[in-house]
C-alpha atoms as a PDB file:
ATOM      1  CA  MET A   1      12.804 -42.689  14.697  1.00  0.00           C
ATOM      2  CA  GLN A   2       9.800 -42.070  16.930  1.00  0.00           C
ATOM      3  CA  ILE A   3       8.778 -38.911  18.738  1.00  0.00           C
ATOM      4  CA  LYS A   4       6.477 -39.181  21.774  1.00  0.00           C
ATOM      5  CA  GLN A   5       4.308 -36.359  23.024  1.00  0.00           C
ATOM      6  CA  ASP A   6       1.942 -36.134  25.997  1.00  0.00           C
ATOM      7  CA  ILE A   7      -1.370 -34.525  25.073  1.00  0.00           C
ATOM      8  CA  HIS A   8      -4.952 -34.349  26.296  1.00  0.00           C
ATOM      9  CA  CYS A   9      -7.223 -37.046  24.918  1.00  0.00           C
ATOM     10  CA  PRO A  10      -9.665 -35.672  22.322  1.00  0.00           C
ATOM     11  CA  ASN A  11     -12.289 -38.123  23.619  1.00  0.00           C
ATOM     12  CA  CYS A  12     -12.226 -37.783  27.431  1.00  0.00           C
ATOM     13  CA  GLY A  13      -9.687 -35.038  28.214  1.00  0.00           C
ATOM     14  CA  SER A  14      -7.338 -37.243  30.265  1.00  0.00           C
ATOM     15  CA  TYR A  15      -3.635 -37.418  29.540  1.00  0.00           C
ATOM     16  CA  ALA A  16      -2.899 -39.449  26.420  1.00  0.00           C
ATOM     17  CA  GLN A  17       0.173 -40.147  24.339  1.00  0.00           C
ATOM     18  CA  ARG A  18       0.837 -39.315  20.699  1.00  0.00           C
ATOM     19  CA  GLN A  19       3.626 -41.042  18.782  1.00  0.00           C
ATOM     20  CA  TYR A  20       5.049 -39.865  15.484  1.00  0.00           C
ATOM     21  CA  CYS A  21       6.874 -42.500  13.401  1.00  0.00           C
ATOM     22  CA  LEU A  22       9.054 -40.688  10.890  1.00  0.00           C
ATOM     23  CA  GLN A  23       9.851 -43.754   8.740  1.00  0.00           C
ATOM     24  CA  THR A  24       6.236 -44.780   8.107  1.00  0.00           C
ATOM     25  CA  HIS A  25       4.682 -41.289   8.425  1.00  0.00           C
ATOM     26  CA  LEU A  26       2.120 -42.595  10.927  1.00  0.00           C
ATOM     27  CA  ILE A  27       0.724 -40.731  13.912  1.00  0.00           C
ATOM     28  CA  GLN A  28      -0.749 -42.833  16.717  1.00  0.00           C
ATOM     29  CA  THR A  29      -2.803 -41.292  19.510  1.00  0.00           C
ATOM     30  CA  GLN A  30      -3.911 -43.483  22.389  1.00  0.00           C
ATOM     31  CA  CYS A  31      -5.523 -42.963  25.771  1.00  0.00           C
ATOM     32  CA  PRO A  32      -5.298 -45.617  28.508  1.00  0.00           C
ATOM     33  CA  VAL A  33      -8.273 -44.147  30.410  1.00  0.00           C
ATOM     34  CA  CYS A  34     -11.040 -44.323  27.773  1.00  0.00           C
ATOM     35  CA  ASP A  35      -9.355 -46.788  25.361  1.00  0.00           C
ATOM     36  CA  TYR A  36      -9.252 -44.219  22.520  1.00  0.00           C
ATOM     37  CA  LEU A  37      -7.035 -45.081  19.544  1.00  0.00           C
ATOM     38  CA  MET A  38      -6.424 -43.163  16.333  1.00  0.00           C
ATOM     39  CA  VAL A  39      -3.758 -43.998  13.753  1.00  0.00           C
ATOM     40  CA  ASN A  40      -3.479 -41.743  10.733  1.00  0.00           C
ATOM     41  CA  CYS A  41      -1.028 -40.805   8.002  1.00  0.00           C
ATOM     42  CA  SER A  42       0.858 -37.551   8.512  1.00  0.00           C
ATOM     43  CA  ARG A  43       1.181 -37.004   4.752  1.00  0.00           C
ATOM     44  CA  THR A  44      -2.419 -37.496   3.637  1.00  0.00           C
ATOM     45  CA  GLY A  45      -4.357 -37.241   6.897  1.00  0.00           C
ATOM     46  CA  ARG A  46      -6.190 -40.475   6.122  1.00  0.00           C
ATOM     47  CA  VAL A  47      -7.293 -42.610   9.044  1.00  0.00           C
ATOM     48  CA  VAL A  48      -5.605 -46.012   9.080  1.00  0.00           C
ATOM     49  CA  GLU A  49      -7.245 -47.327  12.254  1.00  0.00           C
ATOM     50  CA  ALA A  50      -9.613 -45.855  14.817  1.00  0.00           C
ATOM     51  CA  TYR A  51     -11.332 -47.018  17.980  1.00  0.00           C
ATOM     52  CA  ALA A  52     -13.241 -44.775  20.348  1.00  0.00           C
ATOM     53  CA  PRO A  53     -15.847 -46.634  22.423  1.00  0.00           C
ATOM     54  CA  GLY A  54     -17.414 -43.429  23.758  1.00  0.00           C
ATOM     55  CA  LEU A  55     -17.903 -41.688  20.409  1.00  0.00           C
ATOM     56  CA  TYR A  56     -20.979 -42.365  18.310  1.00  0.00           C
ATOM     57  CA  ALA A  57     -21.461 -41.530  14.654  1.00  0.00           C
ATOM     58  CA  ARG A  58     -24.296 -39.169  13.808  1.00  0.00           C
ATOM     59  CA  ARG A  59     -27.105 -40.659  11.789  1.00  0.00           C
END
């Protein structure tokens, strides 16, 4: 079963969508405006996959 939720994108602030998959315990957040993607585990919080072209890692 999947639950969908409309949220604000943590990257650009536009409307994005968050999907919770109860069988696999994965949370996927994606934004069509800035191409943000974050997939993480709801049990451990570990990031499975991430893509955010506008975010840069600090050095």
